[in-house]
Amino acid sequence: MKKFNEVKKRNFKKLQFYVPVVARVHGGSHPEFHDVQNILNEIKVKIKDDNSDKPDLENEFKRLREITDNYTIPEDVCETYEAVYNMLEELDKAYE
């Protein structure tokens, strides 16, 4: 769990900044990104509210993998969109 906490610390502030911007810019052509945004918000709440060393995020990461086709980056998106998927994938792998 130490690795997850390190990755979370490194990526979470960026994700909270990038995700709303990406949703606004790409949400029309990639409506699935709004689901990604909602799941990230769920993760944020669970991390904040869970006092244990390992919050239960299995379901959220499973849903992210399904929605994003295992974090496959669409061809018509910007570098920020790509960065979001890469950070989410890194969080997911660190959680395992």
Protein backbone atom coordinates (compact mmCIF):
# COMPACT_ATOMS: atom_id res chain seq x y z
CA MET A 1 0.00 0.00 0.00
CA LYS A 2 3.00 2.24 0.45
CA LYS A 3 3.47 2.39 -3.31
CA PHE A 4 -0.20 3.35 -3.83
CA ASN A 5 0.10 6.14 -1.28
CA GLU A 6 3.24 7.45 -3.00
CA VAL A 7 1.58 7.40 -6.43
CA LYS A 8 -1.58 8.96 -4.98
CA LYS A 9 0.45 11.74 -3.40
CA ARG A 10 2.31 12.38 -6.66
CA ASN A 11 -0.70 12.27 -9.01
CA PHE A 12 -3.89 13.14 -7.18
CA LYS A 13 -3.59 16.93 -7.18
CA LYS A 14 -2.80 16.91 -10.89
CA LEU A 15 -5.75 14.63 -11.57
CA GLN A 16 -8.10 16.90 -9.65
CA PHE A 17 -6.90 19.81 -11.76
CA TYR A 18 -6.75 18.05 -15.15
CA VAL A 19 -9.92 15.97 -15.08
CA PRO A 20 -12.47 18.84 -15.06
CA VAL A 21 -10.58 20.55 -17.89
CA VAL A 22 -10.45 17.38 -19.98
CA ALA A 23 -14.16 16.74 -19.30
CA ARG A 24 -15.00 20.24 -20.51
CA VAL A 25 -12.81 20.05 -23.62
CA HIS A 26 -13.37 16.43 -24.67
CA GLY A 27 -16.62 15.46 -22.94
CA GLY A 28 -18.69 16.16 -26.04
CA SER A 29 -16.75 13.81 -28.29
CA HIS A 30 -15.82 11.38 -25.50
CA PRO A 31 -18.84 11.20 -23.19
CA GLU A 32 -17.29 8.23 -21.36
CA PHE A 33 -14.86 10.69 -19.82
CA HIS A 34 -17.68 12.04 -17.66
CA ASP A 35 -17.92 8.54 -16.16
CA VAL A 36 -14.17 8.62 -15.54
CA GLN A 37 -14.62 11.95 -13.77
CA ASN A 38 -17.45 10.56 -11.60
CA ILE A 39 -15.42 7.51 -10.61
CA LEU A 40 -12.43 9.67 -9.73
CA ASN A 41 -14.74 11.70 -7.48
CA GLU A 42 -15.88 8.45 -5.81
CA ILE A 43 -12.25 7.46 -5.25
CA LYS A 44 -11.53 10.85 -3.73
CA VAL A 45 -14.41 10.49 -1.28
CA LYS A 46 -13.39 6.95 -0.31
CA ILE A 47 -9.77 7.96 0.23
CA LYS A 48 -10.83 10.93 2.34
CA ASP A 49 -13.42 9.03 4.40
CA ASP A 50 -11.54 5.75 4.87
CA ASN A 51 -9.12 5.76 7.79
CA SER A 52 -7.65 2.37 6.94
CA ASP A 53 -4.35 1.85 5.20
CA LYS A 54 -6.11 0.47 2.13
CA PRO A 55 -9.50 1.87 1.13
CA ASP A 56 -11.66 -0.52 -0.89
CA LEU A 57 -11.23 0.76 -4.45
CA GLU A 58 -11.42 -2.55 -6.31
CA ASN A 59 -14.78 -1.76 -7.89
CA GLU A 60 -13.77 1.76 -8.94
CA PHE A 61 -10.60 0.58 -10.67
CA LYS A 62 -12.49 -2.27 -12.33
CA ARG A 63 -15.03 0.20 -13.70
CA LEU A 64 -12.25 2.54 -14.88
CA ARG A 65 -10.58 -0.32 -16.76
CA GLU A 66 -13.89 -1.18 -18.43
CA ILE A 67 -14.80 2.40 -19.36
CA THR A 68 -11.33 3.26 -20.66
CA ASP A 69 -10.68 -0.09 -22.36
CA ASN A 70 -7.73 -0.62 -20.01
CA TYR A 71 -6.66 3.01 -20.26
CA THR A 72 -6.43 3.00 -24.04
CA ILE A 73 -5.85 6.59 -25.15
CA PRO A 74 -8.13 7.74 -27.99
CA GLU A 75 -6.30 9.00 -31.07
CA ASP A 76 -8.04 12.39 -31.19
CA VAL A 77 -7.23 13.73 -27.72
CA CYS A 78 -4.74 16.14 -26.22
CA GLU A 79 -1.70 15.41 -24.09
CA THR A 80 -3.61 16.28 -20.92
CA TYR A 81 -6.21 13.59 -21.66
CA GLU A 82 -3.35 11.16 -22.22
CA ALA A 83 -1.70 12.24 -18.96
CA VAL A 84 -4.95 11.60 -17.05
CA TYR A 85 -5.23 8.05 -18.38
CA ASN A 86 -1.55 7.40 -17.64
CA MET A 87 -1.89 8.68 -14.05
CA LEU A 88 -5.06 6.64 -13.49
CA GLU A 89 -3.38 3.53 -14.82
CA GLU A 90 -0.38 4.12 -12.56
CA LEU A 91 -2.72 4.48 -9.56
CA ASP A 92 -4.57 1.31 -10.55
CA LYS A 93 -1.35 -0.72 -10.86
CA ALA A 94 0.00 0.65 -7.58
CA TYR A 95 -3.23 -0.33 -5.85
CA GLU A 96 -2.91 -3.99 -6.87
